[in-house]
Protein backbone atom coordinates (compact mmCIF):
# COMPACT_ATOMS: atom_id res chain seq x y z
CA MET A 1 3.17 -7.38 47.92
CA SER A 2 6.88 -7.68 47.59
CA GLN A 3 8.46 -10.98 46.59
CA SER A 4 9.74 -11.40 50.18
CA ASP A 5 6.27 -10.95 51.60
CA LYS A 6 4.57 -13.50 49.36
CA PRO A 7 3.44 -16.61 51.27
CA ILE A 8 5.78 -19.59 50.97
CA ARG A 9 4.11 -22.32 48.98
CA VAL A 10 4.40 -25.54 50.96
CA LEU A 11 3.86 -29.15 50.10
CA VAL A 12 3.19 -31.29 53.25
CA ALA A 13 4.24 -34.94 52.88
CA GLY A 14 2.97 -37.35 55.57
CA LEU A 15 -0.12 -36.82 57.62
CA GLY A 16 0.46 -38.71 60.82
CA ASN A 17 0.41 -36.92 64.20
CA MET A 18 3.36 -34.68 63.45
CA GLY A 19 2.46 -34.08 59.76
CA ARG A 20 -1.01 -32.89 60.68
CA SER A 21 0.28 -30.67 63.43
CA HIS A 22 2.80 -29.04 61.10
CA ALA A 23 0.06 -28.71 58.44
CA LEU A 24 -2.08 -26.81 60.97
CA ALA A 25 0.91 -24.59 61.67
CA TYR A 26 1.24 -23.70 57.96
CA HIS A 27 -2.56 -23.25 57.66
CA ASN A 28 -2.70 -20.76 60.49
CA ASN A 29 0.45 -18.80 59.58
CA PRO A 30 -0.19 -16.23 56.85
CA GLY A 31 3.47 -16.54 55.83
CA PHE A 32 2.64 -20.02 54.33
CA GLU A 33 0.27 -21.32 51.73
CA ILE A 34 -0.39 -25.08 51.53
CA VAL A 35 -0.49 -26.07 47.87
CA GLY A 36 -1.07 -29.73 48.54
CA MET A 37 -0.57 -32.69 50.94
CA VAL A 38 0.79 -36.16 50.27
CA ASN A 39 -0.29 -39.33 51.96
CA ARG A 40 -0.79 -42.87 50.67
CA SER A 41 -4.18 -43.14 52.30
CA THR A 42 -6.90 -40.69 53.17
CA PRO A 43 -6.54 -40.06 56.95
CA LYS A 44 -8.95 -38.44 59.33
CA LEU A 45 -8.09 -34.74 59.25
CA GLU A 46 -8.85 -31.74 61.37
CA PRO A 47 -11.68 -29.57 59.91
CA GLU A 48 -9.19 -26.89 58.86
CA LEU A 49 -7.23 -29.26 56.66
CA ARG A 50 -10.09 -30.96 54.81
CA GLY A 51 -10.13 -28.52 51.91
CA TYR A 52 -6.68 -29.38 50.67
CA THR A 53 -6.05 -31.92 47.99
CA ILE A 54 -4.23 -35.11 49.12
CA HIS A 55 -1.87 -36.59 46.53
CA PRO A 56 -0.78 -40.24 46.70
CA ASP A 57 2.72 -39.79 45.32
CA PHE A 58 5.40 -37.33 46.56
CA THR A 59 7.52 -37.20 43.36
CA THR A 60 4.47 -36.51 41.24
CA ALA A 61 3.09 -33.82 43.52
CA LEU A 62 6.53 -32.19 43.76
CA ALA A 63 6.78 -31.99 39.95
CA GLU A 64 3.26 -30.79 39.41
CA LEU A 65 2.86 -28.30 42.24
CA LYS A 66 6.39 -26.75 42.22
CA PRO A 67 6.36 -25.73 45.93
CA ASP A 68 8.85 -23.36 47.56
CA LEU A 69 9.04 -25.58 50.65
CA CYS A 70 8.61 -29.35 51.22
CA SER A 71 7.59 -30.41 54.71
CA ILE A 72 8.60 -34.05 55.05
CA ASN A 73 6.87 -35.95 57.88
CA THR A 74 6.81 -39.43 56.45
CA TYR A 75 8.44 -42.61 57.91
CA SER A 76 12.10 -42.22 58.58
CA ASP A 77 13.33 -44.44 55.69
CA SER A 78 11.95 -42.02 53.07
CA HIS A 79 13.28 -38.76 54.60
CA ALA A 80 16.63 -38.70 52.77
CA ASP A 81 15.31 -39.45 49.26
CA TYR A 82 12.39 -37.03 49.57
CA ALA A 83 14.61 -34.28 50.95
CA VAL A 84 17.26 -34.71 48.20
CA ALA A 85 14.51 -34.70 45.52
CA ALA A 86 13.06 -31.48 47.02
CA PHE A 87 16.45 -29.78 46.97
CA GLU A 88 17.01 -30.84 43.38
CA ALA A 89 13.71 -29.25 42.53
CA GLY A 90 14.82 -25.99 44.04
CA CYS A 91 12.86 -26.22 47.33
CA ASP A 92 13.72 -25.44 50.93
CA VAL A 93 13.08 -28.34 53.23
CA PHE A 94 11.67 -29.05 56.72
CA VAL A 95 12.14 -32.70 57.69
CA GLU A 96 10.98 -34.38 60.80
CA LYS A 97 13.51 -36.19 63.00
CA PRO A 98 15.35 -38.38 62.61
CA LEU A 99 16.94 -36.74 59.50
CA ALA A 100 17.67 -40.18 58.00
CA THR A 101 18.13 -43.82 58.97
CA THR A 102 21.92 -43.85 58.28
CA VAL A 103 24.64 -41.33 58.88
CA ALA A 104 25.65 -41.52 55.20
CA ASP A 105 22.10 -40.58 54.14
CA ALA A 106 21.99 -37.71 56.65
CA GLU A 107 25.28 -36.35 55.28
CA ARG A 108 23.87 -36.80 51.77
CA VAL A 109 20.88 -34.58 52.63
CA VAL A 110 23.08 -31.89 54.18
CA ALA A 111 25.34 -31.99 51.06
CA ALA A 112 22.25 -31.58 48.84
CA ALA A 113 21.05 -28.62 50.83
CA ARG A 114 24.46 -26.92 50.51
CA LYS A 115 24.73 -27.67 46.80
CA ALA A 116 21.30 -26.29 46.09
CA GLY A 117 21.85 -23.25 48.36
CA ARG A 118 18.52 -24.00 50.10
CA LYS A 119 17.52 -24.15 53.80
CA LEU A 120 17.29 -27.42 55.71
CA VAL A 121 15.49 -27.33 59.10
CA ILE A 122 15.23 -30.59 61.08
CA GLY A 123 12.33 -31.16 63.51
CA TYR A 124 14.16 -30.75 66.80
CA ILE A 125 11.08 -29.35 68.46
CA LEU A 126 12.66 -28.93 71.92
CA ARG A 127 14.92 -26.28 70.45
CA HIS A 128 11.90 -23.98 70.24
CA HIS A 129 10.59 -24.67 73.80
CA PRO A 130 11.29 -21.85 76.30
CA SER A 131 11.51 -24.32 79.18
CA TRP A 132 14.05 -26.60 77.49
CA THR A 133 16.22 -23.69 76.41
CA ARG A 134 16.15 -22.58 80.09
CA LEU A 135 17.13 -26.04 81.21
CA ILE A 136 20.06 -26.09 78.85
CA ALA A 137 21.13 -22.57 79.94
CA GLU A 138 21.04 -23.46 83.68
CA ALA A 139 22.93 -26.68 83.16
CA ARG A 140 25.60 -24.89 81.08
CA LYS A 141 26.11 -22.48 84.07
CA LEU A 142 27.19 -25.45 86.24
CA GLY A 143 30.02 -26.43 83.94
CA PRO A 144 31.35 -29.90 82.98
CA PRO A 145 31.96 -32.70 83.42
CA TYR A 146 28.22 -33.64 83.35
CA VAL A 147 26.13 -36.73 84.17
CA PHE A 148 23.06 -36.81 81.90
CA ARG A 149 20.13 -39.05 82.96
CA MET A 150 17.23 -39.07 80.52
CA ASN A 151 14.44 -41.26 79.32
CA LEU A 152 11.07 -41.20 77.66
CA ASN A 153 9.16 -44.49 77.98
CA GLN A 154 5.63 -44.72 76.53
CA GLN A 155 3.10 -47.23 77.70
CA SER A 156 1.01 -47.54 74.55
CA SER A 157 -2.15 -49.57 73.53
CA GLY A 158 -4.68 -49.46 70.74
CA PRO A 159 -3.94 -46.95 67.98
CA THR A 160 -0.80 -45.60 69.75
CA TRP A 161 0.74 -49.05 69.94
CA ALA A 162 -0.18 -49.50 66.25
CA THR A 163 1.67 -46.37 65.43
CA HIS A 164 4.67 -47.49 67.42
CA LYS A 165 4.70 -50.87 65.68
CA SER A 166 4.63 -49.06 62.30
CA LEU A 167 7.52 -46.83 63.40
CA MET A 168 9.52 -49.81 64.49
CA GLN A 169 9.46 -51.25 60.92
CA THR A 170 12.28 -48.74 60.25
CA THR A 171 13.45 -47.13 63.43
CA SER A 172 14.08 -48.31 67.02
CA PRO A 173 12.79 -46.23 70.03
CA ILE A 174 16.24 -45.11 71.11
CA VAL A 175 16.86 -43.64 67.69
CA ASP A 176 13.42 -42.15 66.98
CA CYS A 177 13.11 -40.37 70.34
CA GLY A 178 16.71 -40.43 71.39
CA VAL A 179 17.91 -37.88 68.89
CA HIS A 180 15.96 -35.15 70.76
CA TYR A 181 17.58 -35.87 74.17
CA VAL A 182 21.04 -36.66 72.87
CA ASP A 183 20.84 -33.30 71.10
CA VAL A 184 20.05 -31.68 74.49
CA MET A 185 23.13 -33.40 75.95
CA CYS A 186 25.32 -32.16 73.13
CA GLN A 187 24.08 -28.62 73.45
CA ILE A 188 24.86 -28.64 77.10
CA THR A 189 28.40 -30.08 76.91
CA ASP A 190 29.63 -28.89 73.53
CA ALA A 191 32.09 -31.80 73.72
CA ARG A 192 32.43 -34.47 71.08
CA ALA A 193 31.08 -37.98 71.82
CA VAL A 194 33.82 -40.57 71.76
CA GLU A 195 32.12 -43.90 72.64
CA VAL A 196 28.59 -45.25 72.69
CA ARG A 197 27.19 -48.37 74.20
CA GLY A 198 23.72 -49.77 73.77
CA MET A 199 21.47 -52.53 74.94
CA GLY A 200 17.96 -53.54 74.06
CA LEU A 201 15.31 -56.14 74.35
CA ARG A 202 12.35 -57.30 72.30
CA LEU A 203 9.39 -57.46 74.70
CA SER A 204 6.66 -58.41 72.19
CA ASP A 205 6.02 -60.99 69.58
CA GLU A 206 4.08 -58.32 67.59
CA ILE A 207 7.22 -56.70 66.24
CA ALA A 208 9.87 -58.01 63.89
CA ALA A 209 12.27 -60.62 65.19
CA ASP A 210 15.29 -58.23 64.56
CA MET A 211 13.69 -55.26 66.28
CA TYR A 212 13.52 -54.30 69.99
CA ASN A 213 10.91 -52.05 71.68
CA TYR A 214 13.03 -51.27 74.78
CA GLY A 215 16.47 -49.83 74.50
CA GLN A 216 19.07 -47.91 76.44
CA LEU A 217 22.22 -46.07 75.35
CA GLN A 218 25.25 -44.79 77.19
CA VAL A 219 27.45 -42.13 75.69
CA LEU A 220 30.94 -40.96 76.78
CA PHE A 221 32.11 -37.45 75.85
CA GLU A 222 35.58 -36.05 75.29
CA ASP A 223 35.30 -33.73 78.33
CA GLY A 224 34.62 -36.67 80.63
CA SER A 225 30.89 -36.20 80.65
CA VAL A 226 28.67 -39.38 80.54
CA GLY A 227 25.04 -39.87 79.79
CA TRP A 228 22.29 -42.45 79.47
CA TYR A 229 19.02 -42.48 77.63
CA GLU A 230 16.31 -45.12 77.60
CA ALA A 231 13.16 -45.49 75.51
CA GLY A 232 10.49 -48.21 75.51
CA TRP A 233 7.21 -48.51 73.67
CA GLY A 234 4.30 -50.82 74.21
CA PRO A 235 1.54 -52.12 76.49
CA MET A 236 4.06 -53.74 78.80
CA ILE A 237 6.03 -50.58 79.53
CA SER A 238 5.95 -49.28 83.15
CA GLU A 239 4.48 -45.87 84.00
CA THR A 240 6.99 -45.59 86.85
CA ALA A 241 9.73 -42.95 86.25
CA PHE A 242 8.87 -42.91 82.63
CA PHE A 243 10.09 -39.32 82.20
CA VAL A 244 13.47 -38.49 83.76
CA LYS A 245 15.37 -35.41 82.72
CA ASP A 246 18.25 -34.83 85.10
CA VAL A 247 21.72 -33.21 84.67
CA MET A 248 24.46 -33.31 87.33
CA SER A 249 27.85 -31.68 87.62
CA PRO A 250 30.36 -31.05 90.40
CA LYS A 251 28.57 -27.82 91.21
CA GLY A 252 25.01 -29.21 91.47
CA ALA A 253 22.15 -30.42 89.41
CA VAL A 254 19.32 -29.26 87.17
CA SER A 255 16.26 -31.47 86.92
CA ILE A 256 12.73 -31.52 85.47
CA VAL A 257 10.12 -32.37 88.09
CA MET A 258 7.07 -33.85 86.39
CA ASP A 259 3.39 -33.53 87.26
CA PRO A 260 2.79 -36.71 89.31
CA ASN A 261 -0.49 -37.20 87.41
CA ALA A 262 1.11 -37.09 84.02
CA LYS A 263 0.68 -40.05 81.71
CA SER A 264 3.34 -41.33 79.23
CA ASP A 265 0.92 -41.54 76.26
CA ASP A 266 -0.02 -37.93 76.44
CA ILE A 267 2.01 -36.13 73.71
CA ASP A 268 2.01 -32.90 75.62
CA THR A 269 3.78 -34.66 78.51
CA HIS A 270 6.73 -35.31 76.23
CA THR A 271 7.67 -31.61 76.10
CA LYS A 272 6.12 -29.92 79.16
CA THR A 273 8.42 -29.51 82.08
CA SER A 274 6.11 -28.35 84.92
CA VAL A 275 9.01 -27.40 87.27
CA ILE A 276 12.76 -26.95 86.77
CA ARG A 277 14.63 -27.66 89.99
CA LEU A 278 18.00 -26.13 90.62
CA HIS A 279 20.28 -27.75 93.16
CA THR A 280 23.55 -26.21 94.36
CA ALA A 281 26.21 -28.52 95.77
CA GLU A 282 27.93 -25.79 97.85
CA THR A 283 28.12 -26.57 101.59
CA GLY A 284 29.04 -24.41 104.58
CA PRO A 285 31.54 -25.04 107.46
CA ASN A 286 29.01 -27.31 109.09
CA GLY A 287 28.90 -29.47 105.94
CA LYS A 288 25.29 -28.62 105.25
CA PHE A 289 23.94 -27.00 102.07
CA ILE A 290 24.12 -23.26 101.98
CA GLN A 291 21.12 -22.84 99.63
CA PRO A 292 17.90 -24.78 99.43
CA ASP A 293 16.82 -26.09 96.15
CA GLN A 294 15.13 -23.57 93.88
CA ASP A 295 12.05 -24.51 91.90
CA ILE A 296 11.32 -22.56 88.74
CA THR A 297 7.66 -22.94 87.78
CA MET A 298 7.40 -22.86 84.05
CA THR A 299 3.87 -21.37 83.75
CA GLY A 300 2.26 -20.70 80.33
CA GLU A 301 4.20 -23.43 78.59
CA PRO A 302 3.27 -24.02 74.97
CA GLY A 303 1.39 -27.17 74.28
CA HIS A 304 2.22 -29.56 71.40
CA GLN A 305 0.42 -27.58 68.67
CA ALA A 306 1.76 -24.24 69.91
CA LEU A 307 5.28 -25.81 69.73
CA CYS A 308 4.68 -26.86 66.18
CA ASP A 309 3.56 -23.32 65.42
CA LEU A 310 6.80 -21.98 66.97
CA GLU A 311 8.91 -24.45 64.99
CA GLN A 312 7.39 -23.56 61.66
CA ALA A 313 7.70 -19.78 62.51
CA PHE A 314 11.37 -20.55 62.76
CA VAL A 315 11.35 -22.15 59.35
CA LEU A 316 9.79 -19.05 57.93
CA ARG A 317 12.37 -16.87 59.59
CA ALA A 318 15.24 -19.06 58.38
CA ILE A 319 14.01 -18.60 54.78
CA ARG A 320 13.08 -14.95 54.92
CA GLU A 321 16.08 -13.82 56.93
CA ASP A 322 18.52 -16.18 55.31
CA LEU A 323 19.69 -17.64 58.66
CA ASN A 324 22.99 -19.63 58.83
CA LEU A 325 21.95 -23.23 59.57
CA ASP A 326 25.37 -24.80 59.45
CA ARG A 327 25.47 -25.56 63.23
CA HIS A 328 21.85 -26.72 63.14
CA MET A 329 22.61 -29.23 60.39
CA ALA A 330 25.84 -30.41 62.01
CA ASP A 331 24.13 -30.95 65.32
CA ALA A 332 21.36 -33.05 63.69
CA VAL A 333 23.92 -35.28 62.07
CA ALA A 334 25.94 -35.56 65.39
CA SER A 335 22.95 -36.66 67.50
CA LEU A 336 21.83 -39.08 64.82
CA ARG A 337 25.37 -40.56 64.64
CA ILE A 338 25.27 -41.25 68.49
CA CYS A 339 21.89 -42.89 68.36
CA LEU A 340 22.68 -45.07 65.33
CA ALA A 341 25.92 -46.13 67.06
CA ALA A 342 23.82 -47.11 70.06
CA ASP A 343 21.54 -49.18 67.77
CA GLU A 344 24.63 -50.83 66.24
CA SER A 345 25.91 -51.61 69.75
CA VAL A 346 22.57 -53.22 70.65
CA ARG A 347 22.83 -55.50 67.61
CA THR A 348 26.53 -56.40 67.92
CA GLY A 349 26.91 -56.43 71.66
CA GLN A 350 30.00 -54.28 71.34
CA PRO A 351 30.72 -50.62 72.19
CA VAL A 352 31.21 -48.29 69.23
CA ARG A 353 34.10 -45.77 69.07
CA LEU A 354 33.23 -42.61 67.27
């Protein structure tokens, strides 16, 4: 076996929903070998993962196991320090979104990757979804300026609400989920964001007094495009219009039409598109539309685990083929900058110029 064919030895840190899914992707891909996992407690694991040793401390595991790749799926406030430590140890890094909790920390991680000459892949899972890449391609055909209307509200209870409350100890919903959809906006327009406005509301006494579980951001782009994104978590969140993905331009619109029976707490709902609807604004001499709307049925879409498999296959390819990830890293920082500006606007009540 040549050096390039040897499995990449990976340390998986964080065994929540995403961490376990990524661990399964490594387990099932012969290009990887899991050398250990890190979690502060012993979680309930899928049968395939129960044979791996769980270490309580990331720094110790990193030093002892000397992995080739660190997969960081912990809470957001540890992402930057863990990633920088991994780069300093000579590892490549996969890190779940958001890359960090501040722009300075995100830039510190990117700088560490460049200094070490290692790969940094951020968990923008929609970039690996064939339906979302199709949505972006169809929207780009329309041309700017765009109106982006997007949300992902999640009515949660029981263990899911407990997870959301834990997440909100460090990250608001419009930052945690918003980076995905702001990234989609940025991929469609290619224009720089110039101003961000945000508003939010604390709808539960079960979260910290300085946190909000409903938020909305508005972003203005240099090419005149505008967009909004909203995200809410909790048992009080409405299931009505919880998943809106709609892009408009002078030439028409591209929209995702959801399954009417979909539920907001189903993780597969967050990525599956069901139908992409294309609308053309062109009208004839009688003022009526020339073309009817076209529905593209996205059959055979990957589910959540299959998407994680695709994402980690990209990580493998990035390392083996030495892919240039400069744009990938810059885009991750840009979308985070917008969402953190929205969070700042929520807290100050003032728009933020970028």
